[in-house]
């Protein structure tokens, strides 16, 4: 994954995490949209970790190629 793409994806994910967290403050735990927001929050964290480790793996591979 290109580092610029990783940075853009990270910014988008963090923005969505913040917005989703704010939505959780407004929603009531009994509503269906609350549970959808919780699932969405979990999926965003998983995607964030995937992007983070993918960018690190690519950076490490490109560093080893240069040597």
PDB file of N, CA and C in Angstrom:
ATOM      1  N   UNK A   1       0.849  -1.169   0.000  1.00  0.00           N
ATOM      2  CA  UNK A   1       0.000   0.000   0.000  1.00  0.00           C
ATOM      3  C   UNK A   1       0.896   1.233   0.000  1.00  0.00           C
ATOM      4  N   UNK A   2       0.584   2.148  -0.843  1.00  0.00           N
ATOM      5  CA  UNK A   2       1.361   3.375  -0.950  1.00  0.00           C
ATOM      6  C   UNK A   2       1.197   4.192   0.339  1.00  0.00           C
ATOM      7  N   UNK A   3       2.272   4.810   0.829  1.00  0.00           N
ATOM      8  CA  UNK A   3       2.173   5.567   2.089  1.00  0.00           C
ATOM      9  C   UNK A   3       1.144   6.700   2.057  1.00  0.00           C
ATOM     10  N   UNK A   4       1.003   7.350   0.902  1.00  0.00           N
ATOM     11  CA  UNK A   4       0.009   8.427   0.816  1.00  0.00           C
ATOM     12  C   UNK A   4      -1.408   7.872   0.935  1.00  0.00           C
ATOM     13  N   UNK A   5      -1.635   6.727   0.330  1.00  0.00           N
ATOM     14  CA  UNK A   5      -2.942   6.093   0.442  1.00  0.00           C
ATOM     15  C   UNK A   5      -3.209   5.673   1.883  1.00  0.00           C
ATOM     16  N   UNK A   6      -2.188   5.161   2.546  1.00  0.00           N
ATOM     17  CA  UNK A   6      -2.338   4.790   3.953  1.00  0.00           C
ATOM     18  C   UNK A   6      -2.668   5.980   4.825  1.00  0.00           C
ATOM     19  N   UNK A   7      -2.038   7.110   4.536  1.00  0.00           N
ATOM     20  CA  UNK A   7      -2.314   8.324   5.316  1.00  0.00           C
ATOM     21  C   UNK A   7      -3.744   8.809   5.083  1.00  0.00           C
ATOM     22  N   UNK A   8      -4.181   8.783   3.839  1.00  0.00           N
ATOM     23  CA  UNK A   8      -5.545   9.214   3.527  1.00  0.00           C
ATOM     24  C   UNK A   8      -6.560   8.294   4.200  1.00  0.00           C
ATOM     25  N   UNK A   9      -6.330   6.983   4.105  1.00  0.00           N
ATOM     26  CA  UNK A   9      -7.247   6.030   4.737  1.00  0.00           C
ATOM     27  C   UNK A   9      -7.269   6.197   6.252  1.00  0.00           C
ATOM     28  N   UNK A  10      -6.109   6.437   6.837  1.00  0.00           N
ATOM     29  CA  UNK A  10      -6.048   6.638   8.284  1.00  0.00           C
ATOM     30  C   UNK A  10      -6.833   7.877   8.692  1.00  0.00           C
ATOM     31  N   UNK A  11      -6.702   8.952   7.938  1.00  0.00           N
ATOM     32  CA  UNK A  11      -7.452  10.175   8.248  1.00  0.00           C
ATOM     33  C   UNK A  11      -8.957   9.957   8.118  1.00  0.00           C
ATOM     34  N   UNK A  12      -9.366   9.239   7.090  1.00  0.00           N
ATOM     35  CA  UNK A  12     -10.792   8.961   6.909  1.00  0.00           C
ATOM     36  C   UNK A  12     -11.317   8.100   8.054  1.00  0.00           C
ATOM     37  N   UNK A  13     -10.559   7.079   8.424  1.00  0.00           N
ATOM     38  CA  UNK A  13     -10.997   6.176   9.486  1.00  0.00           C
ATOM     39  C   UNK A  13     -11.099   6.915  10.815  1.00  0.00           C
ATOM     40  N   UNK A  14     -10.114   7.742  11.124  1.00  0.00           N
ATOM     41  CA  UNK A  14     -10.149   8.477  12.392  1.00  0.00           C
ATOM     42  C   UNK A  14     -11.323   9.456  12.413  1.00  0.00           C
ATOM     43  N   UNK A  15     -11.601  10.095  11.285  1.00  0.00           N
ATOM     44  CA  UNK A  15     -12.757  10.989  11.210  1.00  0.00           C
ATOM     45  C   UNK A  15     -14.050  10.222  11.460  1.00  0.00           C
ATOM     46  N   UNK A  16     -14.183   9.061  10.830  1.00  0.00           N
ATOM     47  CA  UNK A  16     -15.382   8.254  11.037  1.00  0.00           C
ATOM     48  C   UNK A  16     -15.474   7.728  12.470  1.00  0.00           C
ATOM     49  N   UNK A  17     -14.333   7.401  13.074  1.00  0.00           N
ATOM     50  CA  UNK A  17     -14.344   6.961  14.471  1.00  0.00           C
ATOM     51  C   UNK A  17     -14.842   8.071  15.395  1.00  0.00           C
ATOM     52  N   UNK A  18     -14.392   9.281  15.154  1.00  0.00           N
ATOM     53  CA  UNK A  18     -14.824  10.408  15.985  1.00  0.00           C
ATOM     54  C   UNK A  18     -16.317  10.662  15.808  1.00  0.00           C
ATOM     55  N   UNK A  19     -16.772  10.676  14.560  1.00  0.00           N
ATOM     56  CA  UNK A  19     -18.195  10.916  14.308  1.00  0.00           C
ATOM     57  C   UNK A  19     -19.065   9.806  14.889  1.00  0.00           C
ATOM     58  N   UNK A  20     -18.599   8.575  14.768  1.00  0.00           N
ATOM     59  CA  UNK A  20     -19.352   7.446  15.301  1.00  0.00           C
ATOM     60  C   UNK A  20     -19.382   7.483  16.828  1.00  0.00           C
ATOM     61  N   UNK A  21     -18.284   7.886  17.436  1.00  0.00           N
ATOM     62  CA  UNK A  21     -18.250   7.995  18.895  1.00  0.00           C
ATOM     63  C   UNK A  21     -19.200   9.081  19.384  1.00  0.00           C
ATOM     64  N   UNK A  22     -19.270  10.180  18.660  1.00  0.00           N
ATOM     65  CA  UNK A  22     -20.215  11.237  19.023  1.00  0.00           C
ATOM     66  C   UNK A  22     -21.656  10.759  18.863  1.00  0.00           C
ATOM     67  N   UNK A  23     -21.896   9.960  17.842  1.00  0.00           N
ATOM     68  CA  UNK A  23     -23.248   9.425  17.641  1.00  0.00           C
ATOM     69  C   UNK A  23     -23.639   8.492  18.784  1.00  0.00           C
ATOM     70  N   UNK A  24     -22.670   7.761  19.316  1.00  0.00           N
ATOM     71  CA  UNK A  24     -22.974   6.854  20.427  1.00  0.00           C
ATOM     72  C   UNK A  24     -23.397   7.613  21.683  1.00  0.00           C
ATOM     73  N   UNK A  25     -22.924   8.839  21.826  1.00  0.00           N
ATOM     74  CA  UNK A  25     -23.337   9.642  22.976  1.00  0.00           C
ATOM     75  C   UNK A  25     -24.803  10.054  22.880  1.00  0.00           C
ATOM     76  N   UNK A  26     -25.301  10.192  21.663  1.00  0.00           N
ATOM     77  CA  UNK A  26     -26.674  10.653  21.448  1.00  0.00           C
ATOM     78  C   UNK A  26     -27.662   9.487  21.446  1.00  0.00           C
ATOM     79  N   UNK A  27     -27.251   8.362  20.878  1.00  0.00           N
ATOM     80  CA  UNK A  27     -28.161   7.226  20.729  1.00  0.00           C
ATOM     81  C   UNK A  27     -28.412   6.533  22.064  1.00  0.00           C
ATOM     82  N   UNK A  28     -29.592   5.954  22.170  1.00  0.00           N
ATOM     83  CA  UNK A  28     -29.949   5.200  23.375  1.00  0.00           C
ATOM     84  C   UNK A  28     -29.620   3.725  23.161  1.00  0.00           C
ATOM     85  N   UNK A  29     -29.148   3.036  24.208  1.00  0.00           N
ATOM     86  CA  UNK A  29     -28.720   1.639  24.052  1.00  0.00           C
ATOM     87  C   UNK A  29     -29.804   0.674  23.574  1.00  0.00           C
ATOM     88  N   UNK A  30     -31.049   0.982  23.686  1.00  0.00           N
ATOM     89  CA  UNK A  30     -32.094   0.069  23.249  1.00  0.00           C
ATOM     90  C   UNK A  30     -32.417   0.159  21.766  1.00  0.00           C
ATOM     91  N   UNK A  31     -31.928   1.188  21.100  1.00  0.00           N
ATOM     92  CA  UNK A  31     -32.266   1.401  19.694  1.00  0.00           C
ATOM     93  C   UNK A  31     -31.398   0.538  18.785  1.00  0.00           C
ATOM     94  N   UNK A  32     -31.956   0.209  17.638  1.00  0.00           N
ATOM     95  CA  UNK A  32     -31.212  -0.603  16.672  1.00  0.00           C
ATOM     96  C   UNK A  32     -30.019   0.168  16.113  1.00  0.00           C
ATOM     97  N   UNK A  33     -30.176   1.463  15.939  1.00  0.00           N
ATOM     98  CA  UNK A  33     -29.076   2.260  15.390  1.00  0.00           C
ATOM     99  C   UNK A  33     -27.884   2.307  16.347  1.00  0.00           C
ATOM    100  N   UNK A  34     -28.133   2.145  17.632  1.00  0.00           N
ATOM    101  CA  UNK A  34     -27.039   2.105  18.607  1.00  0.00           C
ATOM    102  C   UNK A  34     -26.166   0.877  18.356  1.00  0.00           C
ATOM    103  N   UNK A  35     -26.802  -0.263  18.146  1.00  0.00           N
ATOM    104  CA  UNK A  35     -26.046  -1.494  17.922  1.00  0.00           C
ATOM    105  C   UNK A  35     -25.324  -1.471  16.576  1.00  0.00           C
ATOM    106  N   UNK A  36     -25.932  -0.844  15.603  1.00  0.00           N
ATOM    107  CA  UNK A  36     -25.264  -0.689  14.311  1.00  0.00           C
ATOM    108  C   UNK A  36     -24.029   0.194  14.466  1.00  0.00           C
ATOM    109  N   UNK A  37     -24.142   1.245  15.261  1.00  0.00           N
ATOM    110  CA  UNK A  37     -23.000   2.134  15.495  1.00  0.00           C
ATOM    111  C   UNK A  37     -21.882   1.406  16.244  1.00  0.00           C
ATOM    112  N   UNK A  38     -22.244   0.542  17.179  1.00  0.00           N
ATOM    113  CA  UNK A  38     -21.230  -0.221  17.919  1.00  0.00           C
ATOM    114  C   UNK A  38     -20.510  -1.193  16.983  1.00  0.00           C
ATOM    115  N   UNK A  39     -21.262  -1.871  16.136  1.00  0.00           N
ATOM    116  CA  UNK A  39     -20.648  -2.790  15.171  1.00  0.00           C
ATOM    117  C   UNK A  39     -19.757  -2.016  14.204  1.00  0.00           C
ATOM    118  N   UNK A  40     -20.235  -0.866  13.761  1.00  0.00           N
ATOM    119  CA  UNK A  40     -19.453  -0.023  12.859  1.00  0.00           C
ATOM    120  C   UNK A  40     -18.162   0.434  13.530  1.00  0.00           C
ATOM    121  N   UNK A  41     -18.229   0.771  14.792  1.00  0.00           N
ATOM    122  CA  UNK A  41     -17.043   1.189  15.537  1.00  0.00           C
ATOM    123  C   UNK A  41     -16.014   0.062  15.595  1.00  0.00           C
ATOM    124  N   UNK A  42     -16.482  -1.144  15.848  1.00  0.00           N
ATOM    125  CA  UNK A  42     -15.578  -2.294  15.866  1.00  0.00           C
ATOM    126  C   UNK A  42     -14.944  -2.554  14.511  1.00  0.00           C
ATOM    127  N   UNK A  43     -15.736  -2.444  13.460  1.00  0.00           N
ATOM    128  CA  UNK A  43     -15.202  -2.660  12.111  1.00  0.00           C
ATOM    129  C   UNK A  43     -14.186  -1.589  11.742  1.00  0.00           C
ATOM    130  N   UNK A  44     -14.424  -0.361  12.166  1.00  0.00           N
ATOM    131  CA  UNK A  44     -13.467   0.712  11.885  1.00  0.00           C
ATOM    132  C   UNK A  44     -12.141   0.480  12.601  1.00  0.00           C
ATOM    133  N   UNK A  45     -12.199  -0.009  13.847  1.00  0.00           N
ATOM    134  CA  UNK A  45     -10.960  -0.313  14.563  1.00  0.00           C
ATOM    135  C   UNK A  45     -10.183  -1.431  13.872  1.00  0.00           C
ATOM    136  N   UNK A  46     -10.895  -2.451  13.421  1.00  0.00           N
ATOM    137  CA  UNK A  46     -10.230  -3.552  12.716  1.00  0.00           C
ATOM    138  C   UNK A  46      -9.585  -3.038  11.427  1.00  0.00           C
ATOM    139  N   UNK A  47     -10.305  -2.210  10.688  1.00  0.00           N
ATOM    140  CA  UNK A  47      -9.773  -1.660   9.443  1.00  0.00           C
ATOM    141  C   UNK A  47      -8.580  -0.745   9.713  1.00  0.00           C
ATOM    142  N   UNK A  48      -8.638   0.022  10.810  1.00  0.00           N
ATOM    143  CA  UNK A  48      -7.526   0.900  11.169  1.00  0.00           C
ATOM    144  C   UNK A  48      -6.270   0.085  11.465  1.00  0.00           C
ATOM    145  N   UNK A  49      -6.412  -0.997  12.212  1.00  0.00           N
ATOM    146  CA  UNK A  49      -5.256  -1.841  12.506  1.00  0.00           C
ATOM    147  C   UNK A  49      -4.722  -2.501  11.238  1.00  0.00           C
ATOM    148  N   UNK A  50      -5.624  -2.911  10.337  1.00  0.00           N
ATOM    149  CA  UNK A  50      -5.189  -3.497   9.074  1.00  0.00           C
ATOM    150  C   UNK A  50      -4.376  -2.493   8.260  1.00  0.00           C
ATOM    151  N   UNK A  51      -4.865  -1.278   8.144  1.00  0.00           N
ATOM    152  CA  UNK A  51      -4.150  -0.247   7.382  1.00  0.00           C
ATOM    153  C   UNK A  51      -2.812   0.059   8.050  1.00  0.00           C
ATOM    154  N   UNK A  52      -2.809   0.162   9.364  1.00  0.00           N
ATOM    155  CA  UNK A  52      -1.586   0.470  10.097  1.00  0.00           C
ATOM    156  C   UNK A  52      -0.510  -0.589   9.856  1.00  0.00           C
ATOM    157  N   UNK A  53      -0.873  -1.850  10.000  1.00  0.00           N
ATOM    158  CA  UNK A  53       0.115  -2.914   9.821  1.00  0.00           C
ATOM    159  C   UNK A  53       0.507  -3.103   8.361  1.00  0.00           C
ATOM    160  N   UNK A  54      -0.410  -2.843   7.448  1.00  0.00           N
ATOM    161  CA  UNK A  54      -0.085  -2.959   6.028  1.00  0.00           C
ATOM    162  C   UNK A  54       0.920  -1.884   5.609  1.00  0.00           C
ATOM    163  N   UNK A  55       0.728  -0.665   6.081  1.00  0.00           N
ATOM    164  CA  UNK A  55       1.667   0.411   5.754  1.00  0.00           C
ATOM    165  C   UNK A  55       3.029   0.120   6.373  1.00  0.00           C
ATOM    166  N   UNK A  56       3.043  -0.375   7.606  1.00  0.00           N
ATOM    167  CA  UNK A  56       4.320  -0.711   8.243  1.00  0.00           C
ATOM    168  C   UNK A  56       5.031  -1.836   7.497  1.00  0.00           C
ATOM    169  N   UNK A  57       4.271  -2.825   7.039  1.00  0.00           N
ATOM    170  CA  UNK A  57       4.865  -3.945   6.314  1.00  0.00           C
ATOM    171  C   UNK A  57       5.464  -3.474   4.991  1.00  0.00           C
ATOM    172  N   UNK A  58       4.737  -2.623   4.287  1.00  0.00           N
ATOM    173  CA  UNK A  58       5.236  -2.108   3.015  1.00  0.00           C
ATOM    174  C   UNK A  58       6.451  -1.205   3.219  1.00  0.00           C
ATOM    175  N   UNK A  59       6.432  -0.402   4.272  1.00  0.00           N
ATOM    176  CA  UNK A  59       7.578   0.469   4.540  1.00  0.00           C
ATOM    177  C   UNK A  59       8.810  -0.362   4.877  1.00  0.00           C
ATOM    178  N   UNK A  60       8.616  -1.419   5.623  1.00  0.00           N
ATOM    179  CA  UNK A  60       9.729  -2.296   5.972  1.00  0.00           C
ATOM    180  C   UNK A  60      10.266  -3.004   4.727  1.00  0.00           C
ATOM    181  N   UNK A  61       9.375  -3.459   3.859  1.00  0.00           N
ATOM    182  CA  UNK A  61       9.797  -4.150   2.644  1.00  0.00           C
ATOM    183  C   UNK A  61      10.550  -3.206   1.715  1.00  0.00           C
ATOM    184  N   UNK A  62      10.088  -1.976   1.588  1.00  0.00           N
ATOM    185  CA  UNK A  62      10.781  -1.032   0.710  1.00  0.00           C
ATOM    186  C   UNK A  62      12.125  -0.623   1.307  1.00  0.00           C
ATOM    187  N   UNK A  63      12.216  -0.574   2.625  1.00  0.00           N
ATOM    188  CA  UNK A  63      13.483  -0.250   3.274  1.00  0.00           C
ATOM    189  C   UNK A  63      14.498  -1.369   3.047  1.00  0.00           C
ATOM    190  N   UNK A  64      14.034  -2.611   3.108  1.00  0.00           N
ATOM    191  CA  UNK A  64      14.939  -3.739   2.899  1.00  0.00           C
ATOM    192  C   UNK A  64      15.382  -3.841   1.439  1.00  0.00           C
ATOM    193  N   UNK A  65      14.527  -3.419   0.498  1.00  0.00           N
ATOM    194  CA  UNK A  65      14.897  -3.446  -0.919  1.00  0.00           C
ATOM    195  C   UNK A  65      16.017  -2.459  -1.222  1.00  0.00           C
ATOM    196  N   UNK A  66      16.011  -1.325  -0.535  1.00  0.00           N
ATOM    197  CA  UNK A  66      17.005  -0.285  -0.796  1.00  0.00           C
ATOM    198  C   UNK A  66      18.391  -0.688  -0.321  1.00  0.00           C
ATOM    199  N   UNK A  67      18.472  -1.584   0.613  1.00  0.00           N
ATOM    200  CA  UNK A  67      19.773  -1.984   1.160  1.00  0.00           C
ATOM    201  C   UNK A  67      20.474  -2.927   0.281  1.00  0.00           C
TER     202      UNK A  67
END
